[in-house]
Amino acid sequence: MTVHTDINSLPVFKNAVVTIGTFDGVHKGHQQILQLMLDEAKQVNGETVIITFHPHPRQVIAMRQTELFLLNSLHER
């Protein structure tokens, strides 16, 4: 797994299968999505790409600063 933090320096992905989400804690629903991505990427000889956010979108758009309980840190994701 390679983590990219700068949108301006992303590589060209080969036949990318992409999903987007916060993925704070990879529960069974997330695991199913990731497995489907892996299966699809294998069929198209491609790679999986997961787009996630930091800080959490709720922390950005909230009218007031509220503490948000996150299951995993950015590093753990």
PDB file of N, CA and C in Angstrom:
ATOM      1  N   MET A   1       0.851  -1.176   0.000  1.00  0.00           N
ATOM      2  CA  MET A   1       0.000   0.000   0.000  1.00  0.00           C
ATOM      3  C   MET A   1       0.893   1.234   0.000  1.00  0.00           C
ATOM      4  N   THR A   2       0.534   2.160  -0.840  1.00  0.00           N
ATOM      5  CA  THR A   2       1.222   3.436  -0.898  1.00  0.00           C
ATOM      6  C   THR A   2       0.226   4.522  -0.515  1.00  0.00           C
ATOM      7  N   VAL A   3       0.641   5.429   0.352  1.00  0.00           N
ATOM      8  CA  VAL A   3      -0.214   6.527   0.777  1.00  0.00           C
ATOM      9  C   VAL A   3       0.282   7.801   0.116  1.00  0.00           C
ATOM     10  N   HIS A   4      -0.615   8.505  -0.543  1.00  0.00           N
ATOM     11  CA  HIS A   4      -0.301   9.775  -1.180  1.00  0.00           C
ATOM     12  C   HIS A   4      -1.051  10.862  -0.434  1.00  0.00           C
ATOM     13  N   THR A   5      -0.365  11.915  -0.067  1.00  0.00           N
ATOM     14  CA  THR A   5      -1.016  12.997   0.681  1.00  0.00           C
ATOM     15  C   THR A   5      -1.059  14.305  -0.098  1.00  0.00           C
ATOM     16  N   ASP A   6      -0.464  14.342  -1.265  1.00  0.00           N
ATOM     17  CA  ASP A   6      -0.438  15.559  -2.073  1.00  0.00           C
ATOM     18  C   ASP A   6      -1.089  15.290  -3.416  1.00  0.00           C
ATOM     19  N   ILE A   7      -2.247  15.886  -3.631  1.00  0.00           N
ATOM     20  CA  ILE A   7      -3.002  15.637  -4.862  1.00  0.00           C
ATOM     21  C   ILE A   7      -2.208  16.059  -6.103  1.00  0.00           C
ATOM     22  N   ASN A   8      -1.290  16.980  -5.941  1.00  0.00           N
ATOM     23  CA  ASN A   8      -0.505  17.467  -7.079  1.00  0.00           C
ATOM     24  C   ASN A   8       0.613  16.521  -7.492  1.00  0.00           C
ATOM     25  N   SER A   9       0.871  15.507  -6.691  1.00  0.00           N
ATOM     26  CA  SER A   9       1.952  14.581  -7.042  1.00  0.00           C
ATOM     27  C   SER A   9       1.461  13.136  -7.165  1.00  0.00           C
ATOM     28  N   LEU A  10       0.191  12.973  -7.485  1.00  0.00           N
ATOM     29  CA  LEU A  10      -0.341  11.619  -7.664  1.00  0.00           C
ATOM     30  C   LEU A  10       0.224  10.997  -8.939  1.00  0.00           C
ATOM     31  N   PRO A  11       0.501   9.701  -8.896  1.00  0.00           N
ATOM     32  CA  PRO A  11       0.955   9.021 -10.110  1.00  0.00           C
ATOM     33  C   PRO A  11      -0.238   8.747 -11.033  1.00  0.00           C
ATOM     34  N   VAL A  12       0.052   8.288 -12.214  1.00  0.00           N
ATOM     35  CA  VAL A  12      -0.997   7.819 -13.112  1.00  0.00           C
ATOM     36  C   VAL A  12      -1.322   6.394 -12.698  1.00  0.00           C
ATOM     37  N   PHE A  13      -2.574   6.142 -12.379  1.00  0.00           N
ATOM     38  CA  PHE A  13      -2.984   4.821 -11.951  1.00  0.00           C
ATOM     39  C   PHE A  13      -3.439   4.016 -13.159  1.00  0.00           C
ATOM     40  N   LYS A  14      -3.127   2.730 -13.147  1.00  0.00           N
ATOM     41  CA  LYS A  14      -3.474   1.836 -14.250  1.00  0.00           C
ATOM     42  C   LYS A  14      -4.840   1.212 -13.995  1.00  0.00           C
ATOM     43  N   ASN A  15      -5.803   1.488 -14.888  1.00  0.00           N
ATOM     44  CA  ASN A  15      -7.145   0.906 -14.777  1.00  0.00           C
ATOM     45  C   ASN A  15      -7.673   0.987 -13.344  1.00  0.00           C
ATOM     46  N   ALA A  16      -7.666   2.174 -12.798  1.00  0.00           N
ATOM     47  CA  ALA A  16      -8.004   2.369 -11.388  1.00  0.00           C
ATOM     48  C   ALA A  16      -9.459   2.008 -11.087  1.00  0.00           C
ATOM     49  N   VAL A  17      -9.625   1.266 -10.006  1.00  0.00           N
ATOM     50  CA  VAL A  17     -10.936   0.990  -9.419  1.00  0.00           C
ATOM     51  C   VAL A  17     -10.956   1.825  -8.146  1.00  0.00           C
ATOM     52  N   VAL A  18     -11.852   2.827  -8.101  1.00  0.00           N
ATOM     53  CA  VAL A  18     -11.775   3.867  -7.070  1.00  0.00           C
ATOM     54  C   VAL A  18     -13.005   3.858  -6.172  1.00  0.00           C
ATOM     55  N   THR A  19     -12.786   4.102  -4.883  1.00  0.00           N
ATOM     56  CA  THR A  19     -13.870   4.370  -3.947  1.00  0.00           C
ATOM     57  C   THR A  19     -13.476   5.569  -3.107  1.00  0.00           C
ATOM     58  N   ILE A  20     -14.465   6.181  -2.509  1.00  0.00           N
ATOM     59  CA  ILE A  20     -14.221   7.364  -1.691  1.00  0.00           C
ATOM     60  C   ILE A  20     -15.031   7.252  -0.406  1.00  0.00           C
ATOM     61  N   GLY A  21     -14.427   7.608   0.712  1.00  0.00           N
ATOM     62  CA  GLY A  21     -15.125   7.555   1.991  1.00  0.00           C
ATOM     63  C   GLY A  21     -14.194   7.898   3.131  1.00  0.00           C
ATOM     64  N   THR A  22     -14.734   8.006   4.325  1.00  0.00           N
ATOM     65  CA  THR A  22     -13.890   8.326   5.472  1.00  0.00           C
ATOM     66  C   THR A  22     -13.167   7.091   6.003  1.00  0.00           C
ATOM     67  N   PHE A  23     -13.774   5.928   5.856  1.00  0.00           N
ATOM     68  CA  PHE A  23     -13.161   4.653   6.265  1.00  0.00           C
ATOM     69  C   PHE A  23     -12.562   4.721   7.662  1.00  0.00           C
ATOM     70  N   ASP A  24     -13.330   5.273   8.579  1.00  0.00           N
ATOM     71  CA  ASP A  24     -12.898   5.317   9.973  1.00  0.00           C
ATOM     72  C   ASP A  24     -13.362   4.036  10.646  1.00  0.00           C
ATOM     73  N   GLY A  25     -12.506   3.064  10.635  1.00  0.00           N
ATOM     74  CA  GLY A  25     -12.864   1.748  11.145  1.00  0.00           C
ATOM     75  C   GLY A  25     -13.402   0.925  10.000  1.00  0.00           C
ATOM     76  N   VAL A  26     -12.727  -0.106   9.633  1.00  0.00           N
ATOM     77  CA  VAL A  26     -13.119  -0.904   8.470  1.00  0.00           C
ATOM     78  C   VAL A  26     -14.049  -2.027   8.939  1.00  0.00           C
ATOM     79  N   HIS A  27     -15.342  -1.712   8.969  1.00  0.00           N
ATOM     80  CA  HIS A  27     -16.342  -2.692   9.399  1.00  0.00           C
ATOM     81  C   HIS A  27     -16.682  -3.635   8.250  1.00  0.00           C
ATOM     82  N   LYS A  28     -17.608  -4.546   8.476  1.00  0.00           N
ATOM     83  CA  LYS A  28     -17.919  -5.571   7.464  1.00  0.00           C
ATOM     84  C   LYS A  28     -18.399  -4.975   6.141  1.00  0.00           C
ATOM     85  N   GLY A  29     -19.139  -3.892   6.196  1.00  0.00           N
ATOM     86  CA  GLY A  29     -19.586  -3.234   4.965  1.00  0.00           C
ATOM     87  C   GLY A  29     -18.407  -2.703   4.168  1.00  0.00           C
ATOM     88  N   HIS A  30     -17.471  -2.068   4.863  1.00  0.00           N
ATOM     89  CA  HIS A  30     -16.261  -1.583   4.201  1.00  0.00           C
ATOM     90  C   HIS A  30     -15.458  -2.749   3.632  1.00  0.00           C
ATOM     91  N   GLN A  31     -15.373  -3.825   4.386  1.00  0.00           N
ATOM     92  CA  GLN A  31     -14.617  -4.988   3.923  1.00  0.00           C
ATOM     93  C   GLN A  31     -15.206  -5.541   2.630  1.00  0.00           C
ATOM     94  N   GLN A  32     -16.539  -5.542   2.528  1.00  0.00           N
ATOM     95  CA  GLN A  32     -17.179  -6.005   1.297  1.00  0.00           C
ATOM     96  C   GLN A  32     -16.846  -5.086   0.125  1.00  0.00           C
ATOM     97  N   ILE A  33     -16.879  -3.792   0.357  1.00  0.00           N
ATOM     98  CA  ILE A  33     -16.524  -2.834  -0.694  1.00  0.00           C
ATOM     99  C   ILE A  33     -15.089  -3.069  -1.153  1.00  0.00           C
ATOM    100  N   LEU A  34     -14.180  -3.211  -0.202  1.00  0.00           N
ATOM    101  CA  LEU A  34     -12.765  -3.409  -0.543  1.00  0.00           C
ATOM    102  C   LEU A  34     -12.556  -4.716  -1.301  1.00  0.00           C
ATOM    103  N   GLN A  35     -13.264  -5.767  -0.914  1.00  0.00           N
ATOM    104  CA  GLN A  35     -13.139  -7.042  -1.620  1.00  0.00           C
ATOM    105  C   GLN A  35     -13.667  -6.923  -3.047  1.00  0.00           C
ATOM    106  N   LEU A  36     -14.789  -6.245  -3.227  1.00  0.00           N
ATOM    107  CA  LEU A  36     -15.326  -6.019  -4.568  1.00  0.00           C
ATOM    108  C   LEU A  36     -14.335  -5.231  -5.424  1.00  0.00           C
ATOM    109  N   MET A  37     -13.700  -4.253  -4.814  1.00  0.00           N
ATOM    110  CA  MET A  37     -12.688  -3.470  -5.541  1.00  0.00           C
ATOM    111  C   MET A  37     -11.528  -4.352  -5.984  1.00  0.00           C
ATOM    112  N   LEU A  38     -11.047  -5.178  -5.075  1.00  0.00           N
ATOM    113  CA  LEU A  38      -9.932  -6.073  -5.400  1.00  0.00           C
ATOM    114  C   LEU A  38     -10.310  -7.032  -6.524  1.00  0.00           C
ATOM    115  N   ASP A  39     -11.514  -7.581  -6.448  1.00  0.00           N
ATOM    116  CA  ASP A  39     -11.985  -8.499  -7.488  1.00  0.00           C
ATOM    117  C   ASP A  39     -12.061  -7.799  -8.842  1.00  0.00           C
ATOM    118  N   GLU A  40     -12.631  -6.602  -8.858  1.00  0.00           N
ATOM    119  CA  GLU A  40     -12.768  -5.850 -10.098  1.00  0.00           C
ATOM    120  C   GLU A  40     -11.399  -5.455 -10.663  1.00  0.00           C
ATOM    121  N   ALA A  41     -10.504  -5.013  -9.788  1.00  0.00           N
ATOM    122  CA  ALA A  41      -9.166  -4.619 -10.233  1.00  0.00           C
ATOM    123  C   ALA A  41      -8.430  -5.811 -10.845  1.00  0.00           C
ATOM    124  N   LYS A  42      -8.625  -6.979 -10.269  1.00  0.00           N
ATOM    125  CA  LYS A  42      -7.987  -8.182 -10.818  1.00  0.00           C
ATOM    126  C   LYS A  42      -8.518  -8.485 -12.219  1.00  0.00           C
ATOM    127  N   GLN A  43      -9.828  -8.317 -12.414  1.00  0.00           N
ATOM    128  CA  GLN A  43     -10.441  -8.594 -13.713  1.00  0.00           C
ATOM    129  C   GLN A  43      -9.949  -7.651 -14.803  1.00  0.00           C
ATOM    130  N   VAL A  44      -9.653  -6.417 -14.442  1.00  0.00           N
ATOM    131  CA  VAL A  44      -9.233  -5.425 -15.448  1.00  0.00           C
ATOM    132  C   VAL A  44      -7.728  -5.182 -15.423  1.00  0.00           C
ATOM    133  N   ASN A  45      -7.013  -6.030 -14.662  1.00  0.00           N
ATOM    134  CA  ASN A  45      -5.562  -5.867 -14.517  1.00  0.00           C
ATOM    135  C   ASN A  45      -5.240  -4.433 -14.080  1.00  0.00           C
ATOM    136  N   GLY A  46      -5.938  -4.003 -13.033  1.00  0.00           N
ATOM    137  CA  GLY A  46      -5.781  -2.641 -12.562  1.00  0.00           C
ATOM    138  C   GLY A  46      -5.358  -2.580 -11.115  1.00  0.00           C
ATOM    139  N   GLU A  47      -5.518  -1.411 -10.549  1.00  0.00           N
ATOM    140  CA  GLU A  47      -5.157  -1.214  -9.147  1.00  0.00           C
ATOM    141  C   GLU A  47      -6.293  -0.519  -8.406  1.00  0.00           C
ATOM    142  N   THR A  48      -6.340  -0.736  -7.108  1.00  0.00           N
ATOM    143  CA  THR A  48      -7.372  -0.124  -6.291  1.00  0.00           C
ATOM    144  C   THR A  48      -6.868   1.211  -5.754  1.00  0.00           C
ATOM    145  N   VAL A  49      -7.778   2.161  -5.680  1.00  0.00           N
ATOM    146  CA  VAL A  49      -7.464   3.485  -5.150  1.00  0.00           C
ATOM    147  C   VAL A  49      -8.566   3.857  -4.172  1.00  0.00           C
ATOM    148  N   ILE A  50      -8.177   4.189  -2.959  1.00  0.00           N
ATOM    149  CA  ILE A  50      -9.123   4.612  -1.931  1.00  0.00           C
ATOM    150  C   ILE A  50      -8.840   6.074  -1.616  1.00  0.00           C
ATOM    151  N   ILE A  51      -9.871   6.893  -1.743  1.00  0.00           N
ATOM    152  CA  ILE A  51      -9.751   8.308  -1.402  1.00  0.00           C
ATOM    153  C   ILE A  51     -10.423   8.501  -0.052  1.00  0.00           C
ATOM    154  N   THR A  52      -9.685   9.057   0.898  1.00  0.00           N
ATOM    155  CA  THR A  52     -10.231   9.318   2.221  1.00  0.00           C
ATOM    156  C   THR A  52      -9.885  10.748   2.610  1.00  0.00           C
ATOM    157  N   PHE A  53     -10.345  11.167   3.764  1.00  0.00           N
ATOM    158  CA  PHE A  53     -10.238  12.565   4.152  1.00  0.00           C
ATOM    159  C   PHE A  53      -9.545  12.752   5.491  1.00  0.00           C
ATOM    160  N   HIS A  54      -8.820  13.851   5.581  1.00  0.00           N
ATOM    161  CA  HIS A  54      -8.282  14.307   6.863  1.00  0.00           C
ATOM    162  C   HIS A  54      -8.183  15.813   6.806  1.00  0.00           C
ATOM    163  N   PRO A  55      -8.830  16.508   7.693  1.00  0.00           N
ATOM    164  CA  PRO A  55      -9.659  16.005   8.782  1.00  0.00           C
ATOM    165  C   PRO A  55     -10.979  15.442   8.267  1.00  0.00           C
ATOM    166  N   HIS A  56     -11.706  14.817   9.157  1.00  0.00           N
ATOM    167  CA  HIS A  56     -13.014  14.239   8.831  1.00  0.00           C
ATOM    168  C   HIS A  56     -13.920  15.357   8.292  1.00  0.00           C
ATOM    169  N   PRO A  57     -14.698  15.087   7.241  1.00  0.00           N
ATOM    170  CA  PRO A  57     -15.572  16.118   6.668  1.00  0.00           C
ATOM    171  C   PRO A  57     -16.501  16.799   7.673  1.00  0.00           C
ATOM    172  N   ARG A  58     -16.985  16.065   8.666  1.00  0.00           N
ATOM    173  CA  ARG A  58     -17.864  16.681   9.678  1.00  0.00           C
ATOM    174  C   ARG A  58     -17.138  17.760  10.468  1.00  0.00           C
ATOM    175  N   GLN A  59     -15.820  17.602  10.619  1.00  0.00           N
ATOM    176  CA  GLN A  59     -15.050  18.606  11.342  1.00  0.00           C
ATOM    177  C   GLN A  59     -14.847  19.857  10.490  1.00  0.00           C
ATOM    178  N   VAL A  60     -14.932  19.714   9.195  1.00  0.00           N
ATOM    179  CA  VAL A  60     -14.738  20.848   8.291  1.00  0.00           C
ATOM    180  C   VAL A  60     -16.029  21.638   8.111  1.00  0.00           C
ATOM    181  N   ILE A  61     -17.158  20.938   7.977  1.00  0.00           N
ATOM    182  CA  ILE A  61     -18.401  21.635   7.649  1.00  0.00           C
ATOM    183  C   ILE A  61     -19.284  21.958   8.852  1.00  0.00           C
ATOM    184  N   ALA A  62     -18.889  21.527  10.029  1.00  0.00           N
ATOM    185  CA  ALA A  62     -19.695  21.777  11.228  1.00  0.00           C
ATOM    186  C   ALA A  62     -19.768  23.277  11.510  1.00  0.00           C
ATOM    187  N   MET A  63     -20.937  23.725  11.918  1.00  0.00           N
ATOM    188  CA  MET A  63     -21.119  25.128  12.269  1.00  0.00           C
ATOM    189  C   MET A  63     -20.347  25.480  13.540  1.00  0.00           C
ATOM    190  N   ARG A  64     -20.203  24.508  14.392  1.00  0.00           N
ATOM    191  CA  ARG A  64     -19.451  24.736  15.624  1.00  0.00           C
ATOM    192  C   ARG A  64     -18.471  23.584  15.788  1.00  0.00           C
ATOM    193  N   GLN A  65     -17.384  23.859  16.421  1.00  0.00           N
ATOM    194  CA  GLN A  65     -16.379  22.820  16.651  1.00  0.00           C
ATOM    195  C   GLN A  65     -16.908  21.829  17.672  1.00  0.00           C
ATOM    196  N   THR A  66     -17.090  20.615  17.241  1.00  0.00           N
ATOM    197  CA  THR A  66     -17.506  19.562  18.152  1.00  0.00           C
ATOM    198  C   THR A  66     -16.471  18.455  18.076  1.00  0.00           C
ATOM    199  N   GLU A  67     -16.234  17.851  19.199  1.00  0.00           N
ATOM    200  CA  GLU A  67     -15.288  16.744  19.208  1.00  0.00           C
ATOM    201  C   GLU A  67     -15.957  15.535  18.563  1.00  0.00           C
ATOM    202  N   LEU A  68     -15.256  14.936  17.658  1.00  0.00           N
ATOM    203  CA  LEU A  68     -15.781  13.798  16.915  1.00  0.00           C
ATOM    204  C   LEU A  68     -15.024  12.556  17.350  1.00  0.00           C
ATOM    205  N   PHE A  69     -15.743  11.524  17.755  1.00  0.00           N
ATOM    206  CA  PHE A  69     -15.100  10.281  18.143  1.00  0.00           C
ATOM    207  C   PHE A  69     -14.808   9.478  16.881  1.00  0.00           C
ATOM    208  N   LEU A  70     -13.548   9.239  16.609  1.00  0.00           N
ATOM    209  CA  LEU A  70     -13.137   8.462  15.454  1.00  0.00           C
ATOM    210  C   LEU A  70     -12.579   7.127  15.920  1.00  0.00           C
ATOM    211  N   LEU A  71     -12.927   6.066  15.218  1.00  0.00           N
ATOM    212  CA  LEU A  71     -12.467   4.726  15.604  1.00  0.00           C
ATOM    213  C   LEU A  71     -10.980   4.552  15.365  1.00  0.00           C
ATOM    214  N   ASN A  72     -10.479   5.105  14.261  1.00  0.00           N
ATOM    215  CA  ASN A  72      -9.072   4.945  13.917  1.00  0.00           C
ATOM    216  C   ASN A  72      -8.432   6.304  13.628  1.00  0.00           C
ATOM    217  N   SER A  73      -7.159   6.400  13.940  1.00  0.00           N
ATOM    218  CA  SER A  73      -6.414   7.605  13.605  1.00  0.00           C
ATOM    219  C   SER A  73      -6.097   7.595  12.104  1.00  0.00           C
ATOM    220  N   LEU A  74      -5.615   8.702  11.597  1.00  0.00           N
ATOM    221  CA  LEU A  74      -5.220   8.771  10.193  1.00  0.00           C
ATOM    222  C   LEU A  74      -4.148   7.725   9.895  1.00  0.00           C
ATOM    223  N   HIS A  75      -3.198   7.567  10.781  1.00  0.00           N
ATOM    224  CA  HIS A  75      -2.126   6.590  10.594  1.00  0.00           C
ATOM    225  C   HIS A  75      -2.675   5.156  10.513  1.00  0.00           C
ATOM    226  N   GLU A  76      -3.638   4.845  11.382  1.00  0.00           N
ATOM    227  CA  GLU A  76      -4.214   3.499  11.397  1.00  0.00           C
ATOM    228  C   GLU A  76      -5.019   3.205  10.134  1.00  0.00           C
ATOM    229  N   ARG A  77      -5.622   4.227   9.551  1.00  0.00           N
ATOM    230  CA  ARG A  77      -6.370   4.026   8.315  1.00  0.00           C
ATOM    231  C   ARG A  77      -5.421   3.633   7.220  1.00  0.00           C
TER     232      ARG A  77
END
